[in-house]
C-alpha cells in the first residue's frame, strides 16, 4: 500500500512538471531558457 501510494503521488507530481520540461525536448537551447525558472520552481 505504501509503495502504491508513493508511485501514485510521484506520478501526480511528475505530470505537473510536464508543461515545464516539454520545452527541453521541443525547443532550441535559447528558447529553453524561458522554461528553466518555472521548472525549478
ModelCIF file with pLDDT and N, C-alpha, C, O atoms, coordinates in Angstrom:
data_MODEL
#
_entry.id   MODEL 
#
_entity.id                         1 
_entity.type                       polymer 
_entity.pdbx_number_of_molecules   1 
#
_entity_poly.entity_id                      1 
_entity_poly.type                           'polypeptide(L)' 
_entity_poly.nstd_linkage                   no 
_entity_poly.nstd_monomer                   no 
_entity_poly.pdbx_seq_one_letter_code       
;(UNK)(UNK)(UNK)(UNK)(UNK)(UNK)(UNK)(UNK)(UNK)(UNK)(UNK)(UNK)(UNK)(UNK)(UNK)(UNK)
(UNK)(UNK)(UNK)(UNK)(UNK)(UNK)(UNK)(UNK)(UNK)(UNK)(UNK)(UNK)(UNK)(UNK)(UNK)(UNK)
(UNK)(UNK)(UNK)(UNK)(UNK)(UNK)(UNK)(UNK)(UNK)
;
_entity_poly.pdbx_seq_one_letter_code_can   XXXXXXXXXXXXXXXXXXXXXXXXXXXXXXXXXXXXXXXXX 
_entity_poly.pdbx_strand_id                 A 
#
loop_
_entity_poly_seq.entity_id 
_entity_poly_seq.num 
_entity_poly_seq.mon_id 
_entity_poly_seq.hetero 
1 1  UNK n 
1 2  UNK n 
1 3  UNK n 
1 4  UNK n 
1 5  UNK n 
1 6  UNK n 
1 7  UNK n 
1 8  UNK n 
1 9  UNK n 
1 10 UNK n 
1 11 UNK n 
1 12 UNK n 
1 13 UNK n 
1 14 UNK n 
1 15 UNK n 
1 16 UNK n 
1 17 UNK n 
1 18 UNK n 
1 19 UNK n 
1 20 UNK n 
1 21 UNK n 
1 22 UNK n 
1 23 UNK n 
1 24 UNK n 
1 25 UNK n 
1 26 UNK n 
1 27 UNK n 
1 28 UNK n 
1 29 UNK n 
1 30 UNK n 
1 31 UNK n 
1 32 UNK n 
1 33 UNK n 
1 34 UNK n 
1 35 UNK n 
1 36 UNK n 
1 37 UNK n 
1 38 UNK n 
1 39 UNK n 
1 40 UNK n 
1 41 UNK n 
#
_struct_asym.id          A 
_struct_asym.entity_id   1 
#
loop_
_ma_qa_metric.id 
_ma_qa_metric.mode 
_ma_qa_metric.name 
_ma_qa_metric.software_group_id 
_ma_qa_metric.type 
1 global pLDDT . pLDDT 
2 local  pLDDT . pLDDT 
#
_ma_qa_metric_global.metric_id      1 
_ma_qa_metric_global.metric_value   87.44 
_ma_qa_metric_global.model_id       1 
_ma_qa_metric_global.ordinal_id     1 
#
loop_
_ma_qa_metric_local.label_asym_id 
_ma_qa_metric_local.label_comp_id 
_ma_qa_metric_local.label_seq_id 
_ma_qa_metric_local.metric_id 
_ma_qa_metric_local.metric_value 
_ma_qa_metric_local.model_id 
_ma_qa_metric_local.ordinal_id 
A UNK 1  2 92.00 1 1  
A UNK 2  2 93.00 1 2  
A UNK 3  2 91.00 1 3  
A UNK 4  2 93.00 1 4  
A UNK 5  2 94.00 1 5  
A UNK 6  2 92.00 1 6  
A UNK 7  2 93.00 1 7  
A UNK 8  2 95.00 1 8  
A UNK 9  2 94.00 1 9  
A UNK 10 2 92.00 1 10 
A UNK 11 2 94.00 1 11 
A UNK 12 2 93.00 1 12 
A UNK 13 2 91.00 1 13 
A UNK 14 2 90.00 1 14 
A UNK 15 2 91.00 1 15 
A UNK 16 2 89.00 1 16 
A UNK 17 2 87.00 1 17 
A UNK 18 2 87.00 1 18 
A UNK 19 2 86.00 1 19 
A UNK 20 2 85.00 1 20 
A UNK 21 2 83.00 1 21 
A UNK 22 2 84.00 1 22 
A UNK 23 2 83.00 1 23 
A UNK 24 2 80.00 1 24 
A UNK 25 2 83.00 1 25 
A UNK 26 2 82.00 1 26 
A UNK 27 2 79.00 1 27 
A UNK 28 2 82.00 1 28 
A UNK 29 2 80.00 1 29 
A UNK 30 2 82.00 1 30 
A UNK 31 2 79.00 1 31 
A UNK 32 2 81.00 1 32 
A UNK 33 2 83.00 1 33 
A UNK 34 2 84.00 1 34 
A UNK 35 2 83.00 1 35 
A UNK 36 2 86.00 1 36 
A UNK 37 2 90.00 1 37 
A UNK 38 2 89.00 1 38 
A UNK 39 2 88.00 1 39 
A UNK 40 2 90.00 1 40 
A UNK 41 2 92.00 1 41 
#
loop_
_atom_site.group_PDB 
_atom_site.id 
_atom_site.type_symbol 
_atom_site.label_atom_id 
_atom_site.label_alt_id 
_atom_site.label_comp_id 
_atom_site.label_asym_id 
_atom_site.label_entity_id 
_atom_site.label_seq_id 
_atom_site.pdbx_PDB_ins_code 
_atom_site.Cartn_x 
_atom_site.Cartn_y 
_atom_site.Cartn_z 
_atom_site.occupancy 
_atom_site.B_iso_or_equiv 
_atom_site.pdbx_formal_charge 
_atom_site.auth_seq_id 
_atom_site.auth_comp_id 
_atom_site.auth_asym_id 
_atom_site.auth_atom_id 
_atom_site.pdbx_PDB_model_num 
ATOM 1   N N  . UNK A 1 1  ? 0.830  -1.206 0.000   1.00 92.00 ? 1  UNK A N  1 
ATOM 2   C CA . UNK A 1 1  ? 0.000  0.000  0.000   1.00 92.00 ? 1  UNK A CA 1 
ATOM 3   C C  . UNK A 1 1  ? 0.864  1.256  0.000   1.00 92.00 ? 1  UNK A C  1 
ATOM 4   O O  . UNK A 1 1  ? 0.573  2.211  -0.720  1.00 92.00 ? 1  UNK A O  1 
ATOM 5   N N  . UNK A 1 2  ? 1.910  1.258  0.793   1.00 93.00 ? 2  UNK A N  1 
ATOM 6   C CA . UNK A 1 2  ? 2.804  2.423  0.844   1.00 93.00 ? 2  UNK A CA 1 
ATOM 7   C C  . UNK A 1 2  ? 3.504  2.629  -0.498  1.00 93.00 ? 2  UNK A C  1 
ATOM 8   O O  . UNK A 1 2  ? 3.604  3.758  -0.977  1.00 93.00 ? 2  UNK A O  1 
ATOM 9   N N  . UNK A 1 3  ? 3.985  1.553  -1.102  1.00 91.00 ? 3  UNK A N  1 
ATOM 10  C CA . UNK A 1 3  ? 4.653  1.664  -2.405  1.00 91.00 ? 3  UNK A CA 1 
ATOM 11  C C  . UNK A 1 3  ? 3.674  2.145  -3.479  1.00 91.00 ? 3  UNK A C  1 
ATOM 12  O O  . UNK A 1 3  ? 4.043  2.940  -4.343  1.00 91.00 ? 3  UNK A O  1 
ATOM 13  N N  . UNK A 1 4  ? 2.439  1.668  -3.426  1.00 93.00 ? 4  UNK A N  1 
ATOM 14  C CA . UNK A 1 4  ? 1.427  2.115  -4.390  1.00 93.00 ? 4  UNK A CA 1 
ATOM 15  C C  . UNK A 1 4  ? 1.122  3.597  -4.198  1.00 93.00 ? 4  UNK A C  1 
ATOM 16  O O  . UNK A 1 4  ? 0.989  4.338  -5.171  1.00 93.00 ? 4  UNK A O  1 
ATOM 17  N N  . UNK A 1 5  ? 1.014  4.022  -2.954  1.00 94.00 ? 5  UNK A N  1 
ATOM 18  C CA . UNK A 1 5  ? 0.763  5.440  -2.667  1.00 94.00 ? 5  UNK A CA 1 
ATOM 19  C C  . UNK A 1 5  ? 1.931  6.316  -3.121  1.00 94.00 ? 5  UNK A C  1 
ATOM 20  O O  . UNK A 1 5  ? 1.726  7.410  -3.647  1.00 94.00 ? 5  UNK A O  1 
ATOM 21  N N  . UNK A 1 6  ? 3.152  5.829  -2.916  1.00 92.00 ? 6  UNK A N  1 
ATOM 22  C CA . UNK A 1 6  ? 4.326  6.582  -3.363  1.00 92.00 ? 6  UNK A CA 1 
ATOM 23  C C  . UNK A 1 6  ? 4.312  6.744  -4.879  1.00 92.00 ? 6  UNK A C  1 
ATOM 24  O O  . UNK A 1 6  ? 4.527  7.842  -5.391  1.00 92.00 ? 6  UNK A O  1 
ATOM 25  N N  . UNK A 1 7  ? 4.060  5.655  -5.592  1.00 93.00 ? 7  UNK A N  1 
ATOM 26  C CA . UNK A 1 7  ? 4.034  5.722  -7.056  1.00 93.00 ? 7  UNK A CA 1 
ATOM 27  C C  . UNK A 1 7  ? 2.934  6.666  -7.540  1.00 93.00 ? 7  UNK A C  1 
ATOM 28  O O  . UNK A 1 7  ? 3.155  7.465  -8.450  1.00 93.00 ? 7  UNK A O  1 
ATOM 29  N N  . UNK A 1 8  ? 1.764  6.576  -6.937  1.00 95.00 ? 8  UNK A N  1 
ATOM 30  C CA . UNK A 1 8  ? 0.643  7.446  -7.327  1.00 95.00 ? 8  UNK A CA 1 
ATOM 31  C C  . UNK A 1 8  ? 0.985  8.918  -7.088  1.00 95.00 ? 8  UNK A C  1 
ATOM 32  O O  . UNK A 1 8  ? 0.741  9.768  -7.944  1.00 95.00 ? 8  UNK A O  1 
ATOM 33  N N  . UNK A 1 9  ? 1.546  9.206  -5.928  1.00 94.00 ? 9  UNK A N  1 
ATOM 34  C CA . UNK A 1 9  ? 1.923  10.568 -5.574  1.00 94.00 ? 9  UNK A CA 1 
ATOM 35  C C  . UNK A 1 9  ? 2.989  11.101 -6.536  1.00 94.00 ? 9  UNK A C  1 
ATOM 36  O O  . UNK A 1 9  ? 2.892  12.228 -7.020  1.00 94.00 ? 9  UNK A O  1 
ATOM 37  N N  . UNK A 1 10 ? 3.995  10.287 -6.803  1.00 92.00 ? 10 UNK A N  1 
ATOM 38  C CA . UNK A 1 10 ? 5.083  10.727 -7.674  1.00 92.00 ? 10 UNK A CA 1 
ATOM 39  C C  . UNK A 1 10 ? 4.613  10.950 -9.104  1.00 92.00 ? 10 UNK A C  1 
ATOM 40  O O  . UNK A 1 10 ? 5.042  11.900 -9.758  1.00 92.00 ? 10 UNK A O  1 
ATOM 41  N N  . UNK A 1 11 ? 3.732  10.077 -9.595  1.00 94.00 ? 11 UNK A N  1 
ATOM 42  C CA . UNK A 1 11 ? 3.195  10.272 -10.946 1.00 94.00 ? 11 UNK A CA 1 
ATOM 43  C C  . UNK A 1 11 ? 2.421  11.585 -11.013 1.00 94.00 ? 11 UNK A C  1 
ATOM 44  O O  . UNK A 1 11 ? 2.551  12.344 -11.973 1.00 94.00 ? 11 UNK A O  1 
ATOM 45  N N  . UNK A 1 12 ? 1.626  11.843 -9.998  1.00 93.00 ? 12 UNK A N  1 
ATOM 46  C CA . UNK A 1 12 ? 0.837  13.087 -9.970  1.00 93.00 ? 12 UNK A CA 1 
ATOM 47  C C  . UNK A 1 12 ? 1.760  14.314 -10.055 1.00 93.00 ? 12 UNK A C  1 
ATOM 48  O O  . UNK A 1 12 ? 1.521  15.221 -10.852 1.00 93.00 ? 12 UNK A O  1 
ATOM 49  N N  . UNK A 1 13 ? 2.793  14.333 -9.245  1.00 91.00 ? 13 UNK A N  1 
ATOM 50  C CA . UNK A 1 13 ? 3.679  15.491 -9.242  1.00 91.00 ? 13 UNK A CA 1 
ATOM 51  C C  . UNK A 1 13 ? 4.532  15.580 -10.502 1.00 91.00 ? 13 UNK A C  1 
ATOM 52  O O  . UNK A 1 13 ? 4.781  16.677 -11.001 1.00 91.00 ? 13 UNK A O  1 
ATOM 53  N N  . UNK A 1 14 ? 4.976  14.456 -11.014 1.00 90.00 ? 14 UNK A N  1 
ATOM 54  C CA . UNK A 1 14 ? 5.783  14.491 -12.235 1.00 90.00 ? 14 UNK A CA 1 
ATOM 55  C C  . UNK A 1 14 ? 4.947  14.909 -13.442 1.00 90.00 ? 14 UNK A C  1 
ATOM 56  O O  . UNK A 1 14 ? 5.462  15.566 -14.346 1.00 90.00 ? 14 UNK A O  1 
ATOM 57  N N  . UNK A 1 15 ? 3.676  14.543 -13.472 1.00 91.00 ? 15 UNK A N  1 
ATOM 58  C CA . UNK A 1 15 ? 2.793  15.037 -14.532 1.00 91.00 ? 15 UNK A CA 1 
ATOM 59  C C  . UNK A 1 15 ? 2.674  16.558 -14.465 1.00 91.00 ? 15 UNK A C  1 
ATOM 60  O O  . UNK A 1 15 ? 2.579  17.224 -15.497 1.00 91.00 ? 15 UNK A O  1 
ATOM 61  N N  . UNK A 1 16 ? 2.680  17.100 -13.263 1.00 89.00 ? 16 UNK A N  1 
ATOM 62  C CA . UNK A 1 16 ? 2.569  18.557 -13.138 1.00 89.00 ? 16 UNK A CA 1 
ATOM 63  C C  . UNK A 1 16 ? 3.802  19.275 -13.685 1.00 89.00 ? 16 UNK A C  1 
ATOM 64  O O  . UNK A 1 16 ? 3.743  20.464 -13.997 1.00 89.00 ? 16 UNK A O  1 
ATOM 65  N N  . UNK A 1 17 ? 4.904  18.562 -13.799 1.00 87.00 ? 17 UNK A N  1 
ATOM 66  C CA . UNK A 1 17 ? 6.130  19.157 -14.356 1.00 87.00 ? 17 UNK A CA 1 
ATOM 67  C C  . UNK A 1 17 ? 6.163  19.149 -15.881 1.00 87.00 ? 17 UNK A C  1 
ATOM 68  O O  . UNK A 1 17 ? 6.950  19.865 -16.499 1.00 87.00 ? 17 UNK A O  1 
ATOM 69  N N  . UNK A 1 18 ? 5.309  18.339 -16.472 1.00 87.00 ? 18 UNK A N  1 
ATOM 70  C CA . UNK A 1 18 ? 5.374  18.120 -17.910 1.00 87.00 ? 18 UNK A CA 1 
ATOM 71  C C  . UNK A 1 18 ? 5.385  19.414 -18.723 1.00 87.00 ? 18 UNK A C  1 
ATOM 72  O O  . UNK A 1 18 ? 6.176  19.552 -19.657 1.00 87.00 ? 18 UNK A O  1 
ATOM 73  N N  . UNK A 1 19 ? 4.520  20.354 -18.378 1.00 86.00 ? 19 UNK A N  1 
ATOM 74  C CA . UNK A 1 19 ? 4.450  21.591 -19.162 1.00 86.00 ? 19 UNK A CA 1 
ATOM 75  C C  . UNK A 1 19 ? 5.738  22.405 -19.038 1.00 86.00 ? 19 UNK A C  1 
ATOM 76  O O  . UNK A 1 19 ? 6.042  23.228 -19.902 1.00 86.00 ? 19 UNK A O  1 
ATOM 77  N N  . UNK A 1 20 ? 6.497  22.173 -17.959 1.00 85.00 ? 20 UNK A N  1 
ATOM 78  C CA . UNK A 1 20 ? 7.743  22.902 -17.773 1.00 85.00 ? 20 UNK A CA 1 
ATOM 79  C C  . UNK A 1 20 ? 8.922  22.224 -18.465 1.00 85.00 ? 20 UNK A C  1 
ATOM 80  O O  . UNK A 1 20 ? 9.833  22.901 -18.942 1.00 85.00 ? 20 UNK A O  1 
ATOM 81  N N  . UNK A 1 21 ? 8.911  20.875 -18.524 1.00 83.00 ? 21 UNK A N  1 
ATOM 82  C CA . UNK A 1 21 ? 10.060 20.232 -19.160 1.00 83.00 ? 21 UNK A CA 1 
ATOM 83  C C  . UNK A 1 21 ? 9.837  19.909 -20.635 1.00 83.00 ? 21 UNK A C  1 
ATOM 84  O O  . UNK A 1 21 ? 10.787 19.525 -21.317 1.00 83.00 ? 21 UNK A O  1 
ATOM 85  N N  . UNK A 1 22 ? 8.624  20.051 -21.147 1.00 84.00 ? 22 UNK A N  1 
ATOM 86  C CA . UNK A 1 22 ? 8.402  19.846 -22.584 1.00 84.00 ? 22 UNK A CA 1 
ATOM 87  C C  . UNK A 1 22 ? 9.300  20.731 -23.447 1.00 84.00 ? 22 UNK A C  1 
ATOM 88  O O  . UNK A 1 22 ? 9.823  20.250 -24.452 1.00 84.00 ? 22 UNK A O  1 
ATOM 89  N N  . UNK A 1 23 ? 9.502  22.009 -23.094 1.00 83.00 ? 23 UNK A N  1 
ATOM 90  C CA . UNK A 1 23 ? 10.408 22.827 -23.909 1.00 83.00 ? 23 UNK A CA 1 
ATOM 91  C C  . UNK A 1 23 ? 11.842 22.277 -23.974 1.00 83.00 ? 23 UNK A C  1 
ATOM 92  O O  . UNK A 1 23 ? 12.573 22.570 -24.921 1.00 83.00 ? 23 UNK A O  1 
ATOM 93  N N  . UNK A 1 24 ? 12.241 21.489 -22.981 1.00 80.00 ? 24 UNK A N  1 
ATOM 94  C CA . UNK A 1 24 ? 13.580 20.897 -23.019 1.00 80.00 ? 24 UNK A CA 1 
ATOM 95  C C  . UNK A 1 24 ? 13.684 19.879 -24.151 1.00 80.00 ? 24 UNK A C  1 
ATOM 96  O O  . UNK A 1 24 ? 14.770 19.633 -24.675 1.00 80.00 ? 24 UNK A O  1 
ATOM 97  N N  . UNK A 1 25 ? 12.561 19.296 -24.521 1.00 83.00 ? 25 UNK A N  1 
ATOM 98  C CA . UNK A 1 25 ? 12.533 18.309 -25.597 1.00 83.00 ? 25 UNK A CA 1 
ATOM 99  C C  . UNK A 1 25 ? 12.239 18.942 -26.955 1.00 83.00 ? 25 UNK A C  1 
ATOM 100 O O  . UNK A 1 25 ? 12.681 18.439 -27.988 1.00 83.00 ? 25 UNK A O  1 
ATOM 101 N N  . UNK A 1 26 ? 11.494 20.041 -26.950 1.00 82.00 ? 26 UNK A N  1 
ATOM 102 C CA . UNK A 1 26 ? 10.953 20.574 -28.197 1.00 82.00 ? 26 UNK A CA 1 
ATOM 103 C C  . UNK A 1 26 ? 11.516 21.918 -28.634 1.00 82.00 ? 26 UNK A C  1 
ATOM 104 O O  . UNK A 1 26 ? 11.065 22.464 -29.641 1.00 82.00 ? 26 UNK A O  1 
ATOM 105 N N  . UNK A 1 27 ? 12.476 22.462 -27.919 1.00 79.00 ? 27 UNK A N  1 
ATOM 106 C CA . UNK A 1 27 ? 12.958 23.811 -28.240 1.00 79.00 ? 27 UNK A CA 1 
ATOM 107 C C  . UNK A 1 27 ? 14.464 23.818 -28.469 1.00 79.00 ? 27 UNK A C  1 
ATOM 108 O O  . UNK A 1 27 ? 15.175 22.870 -28.140 1.00 79.00 ? 27 UNK A O  1 
ATOM 109 N N  . UNK A 1 28 ? 14.910 24.906 -29.036 1.00 82.00 ? 28 UNK A N  1 
ATOM 110 C CA . UNK A 1 28 ? 16.344 25.115 -29.182 1.00 82.00 ? 28 UNK A CA 1 
ATOM 111 C C  . UNK A 1 28 ? 16.887 25.613 -27.833 1.00 82.00 ? 28 UNK A C  1 
ATOM 112 O O  . UNK A 1 28 ? 16.110 26.059 -26.988 1.00 82.00 ? 28 UNK A O  1 
ATOM 113 N N  . UNK A 1 29 ? 18.197 25.542 -27.622 1.00 80.00 ? 29 UNK A N  1 
ATOM 114 C CA . UNK A 1 29 ? 18.765 25.925 -26.318 1.00 80.00 ? 29 UNK A CA 1 
ATOM 115 C C  . UNK A 1 29 ? 18.393 27.328 -25.847 1.00 80.00 ? 29 UNK A C  1 
ATOM 116 O O  . UNK A 1 29 ? 18.198 27.535 -24.649 1.00 80.00 ? 29 UNK A O  1 
ATOM 117 N N  . UNK A 1 30 ? 18.292 28.274 -26.737 1.00 82.00 ? 30 UNK A N  1 
ATOM 118 C CA . UNK A 1 30 ? 17.945 29.639 -26.334 1.00 82.00 ? 30 UNK A CA 1 
ATOM 119 C C  . UNK A 1 30 ? 16.498 29.699 -25.840 1.00 82.00 ? 30 UNK A C  1 
ATOM 120 O O  . UNK A 1 30 ? 16.213 30.357 -24.840 1.00 82.00 ? 30 UNK A O  1 
ATOM 121 N N  . UNK A 1 31 ? 15.599 29.027 -26.527 1.00 79.00 ? 31 UNK A N  1 
ATOM 122 C CA . UNK A 1 31 ? 14.186 29.020 -26.128 1.00 79.00 ? 31 UNK A CA 1 
ATOM 123 C C  . UNK A 1 31 ? 13.960 28.269 -24.823 1.00 79.00 ? 31 UNK A C  1 
ATOM 124 O O  . UNK A 1 31 ? 13.014 28.550 -24.086 1.00 79.00 ? 31 UNK A O  1 
ATOM 125 N N  . UNK A 1 32 ? 14.838 27.314 -24.549 1.00 81.00 ? 32 UNK A N  1 
ATOM 126 C CA . UNK A 1 32 ? 14.723 26.542 -23.308 1.00 81.00 ? 32 UNK A CA 1 
ATOM 127 C C  . UNK A 1 32 ? 14.885 27.419 -22.074 1.00 81.00 ? 32 UNK A C  1 
ATOM 128 O O  . UNK A 1 32 ? 14.308 27.138 -21.024 1.00 81.00 ? 32 UNK A O  1 
ATOM 129 N N  . UNK A 1 33 ? 15.659 28.463 -22.202 1.00 83.00 ? 33 UNK A N  1 
ATOM 130 C CA . UNK A 1 33 ? 15.964 29.317 -21.052 1.00 83.00 ? 33 UNK A CA 1 
ATOM 131 C C  . UNK A 1 33 ? 14.709 29.857 -20.377 1.00 83.00 ? 33 UNK A C  1 
ATOM 132 O O  . UNK A 1 33 ? 14.671 29.990 -19.154 1.00 83.00 ? 33 UNK A O  1 
ATOM 133 N N  . UNK A 1 34 ? 13.685 30.167 -21.163 1.00 84.00 ? 34 UNK A N  1 
ATOM 134 C CA . UNK A 1 34 ? 12.444 30.697 -20.593 1.00 84.00 ? 34 UNK A CA 1 
ATOM 135 C C  . UNK A 1 34 ? 11.736 29.688 -19.689 1.00 84.00 ? 34 UNK A C  1 
ATOM 136 O O  . UNK A 1 34 ? 11.030 30.075 -18.757 1.00 84.00 ? 34 UNK A O  1 
ATOM 137 N N  . UNK A 1 35 ? 11.924 28.390 -19.966 1.00 83.00 ? 35 UNK A N  1 
ATOM 138 C CA . UNK A 1 35 ? 11.227 27.352 -19.203 1.00 83.00 ? 35 UNK A CA 1 
ATOM 139 C C  . UNK A 1 35 ? 11.935 27.004 -17.887 1.00 83.00 ? 35 UNK A C  1 
ATOM 140 O O  . UNK A 1 35 ? 11.308 26.467 -16.974 1.00 83.00 ? 35 UNK A O  1 
ATOM 141 N N  . UNK A 1 36 ? 13.212 27.300 -17.787 1.00 86.00 ? 36 UNK A N  1 
ATOM 142 C CA . UNK A 1 36 ? 14.020 26.857 -16.637 1.00 86.00 ? 36 UNK A CA 1 
ATOM 143 C C  . UNK A 1 36 ? 13.524 27.421 -15.297 1.00 86.00 ? 36 UNK A C  1 
ATOM 144 O O  . UNK A 1 36 ? 13.384 26.639 -14.356 1.00 86.00 ? 36 UNK A O  1 
ATOM 145 N N  . UNK A 1 37 ? 13.253 28.715 -15.151 1.00 90.00 ? 37 UNK A N  1 
ATOM 146 C CA . UNK A 1 37 ? 12.790 29.203 -13.840 1.00 90.00 ? 37 UNK A CA 1 
ATOM 147 C C  . UNK A 1 37 ? 11.496 28.538 -13.377 1.00 90.00 ? 37 UNK A C  1 
ATOM 148 O O  . UNK A 1 37 ? 11.371 28.187 -12.204 1.00 90.00 ? 37 UNK A O  1 
ATOM 149 N N  . UNK A 1 38 ? 10.540 28.363 -14.274 1.00 89.00 ? 38 UNK A N  1 
ATOM 150 C CA . UNK A 1 38 ? 9.290  27.699 -13.917 1.00 89.00 ? 38 UNK A CA 1 
ATOM 151 C C  . UNK A 1 38 ? 9.514  26.252 -13.517 1.00 89.00 ? 38 UNK A C  1 
ATOM 152 O O  . UNK A 1 38 ? 8.893  25.757 -12.576 1.00 89.00 ? 38 UNK A O  1 
ATOM 153 N N  . UNK A 1 39 ? 10.398 25.577 -14.228 1.00 88.00 ? 39 UNK A N  1 
ATOM 154 C CA . UNK A 1 39 ? 10.714 24.187 -13.920 1.00 88.00 ? 39 UNK A CA 1 
ATOM 155 C C  . UNK A 1 39 ? 11.360 24.065 -12.543 1.00 88.00 ? 39 UNK A C  1 
ATOM 156 O O  . UNK A 1 39 ? 10.995 23.191 -11.757 1.00 88.00 ? 39 UNK A O  1 
ATOM 157 N N  . UNK A 1 40 ? 12.305 24.928 -12.259 1.00 90.00 ? 40 UNK A N  1 
ATOM 158 C CA . UNK A 1 40 ? 12.979 24.888 -10.955 1.00 90.00 ? 40 UNK A CA 1 
ATOM 159 C C  . UNK A 1 40 ? 11.994 25.198 -9.832  1.00 90.00 ? 40 UNK A C  1 
ATOM 160 O O  . UNK A 1 40 ? 12.021 24.543 -8.790  1.00 90.00 ? 40 UNK A O  1 
ATOM 161 N N  . UNK A 1 41 ? 11.131 26.181 -10.031 1.00 92.00 ? 41 UNK A N  1 
ATOM 162 C CA . UNK A 1 41 ? 10.116 26.493 -9.013  1.00 92.00 ? 41 UNK A CA 1 
ATOM 163 C C  . UNK A 1 41 ? 9.150  25.334 -8.810  1.00 92.00 ? 41 UNK A C  1 
ATOM 164 O O  . UNK A 1 41 ? 8.236  25.429 -7.991  1.00 92.00 ? 41 UNK A O  1 
#
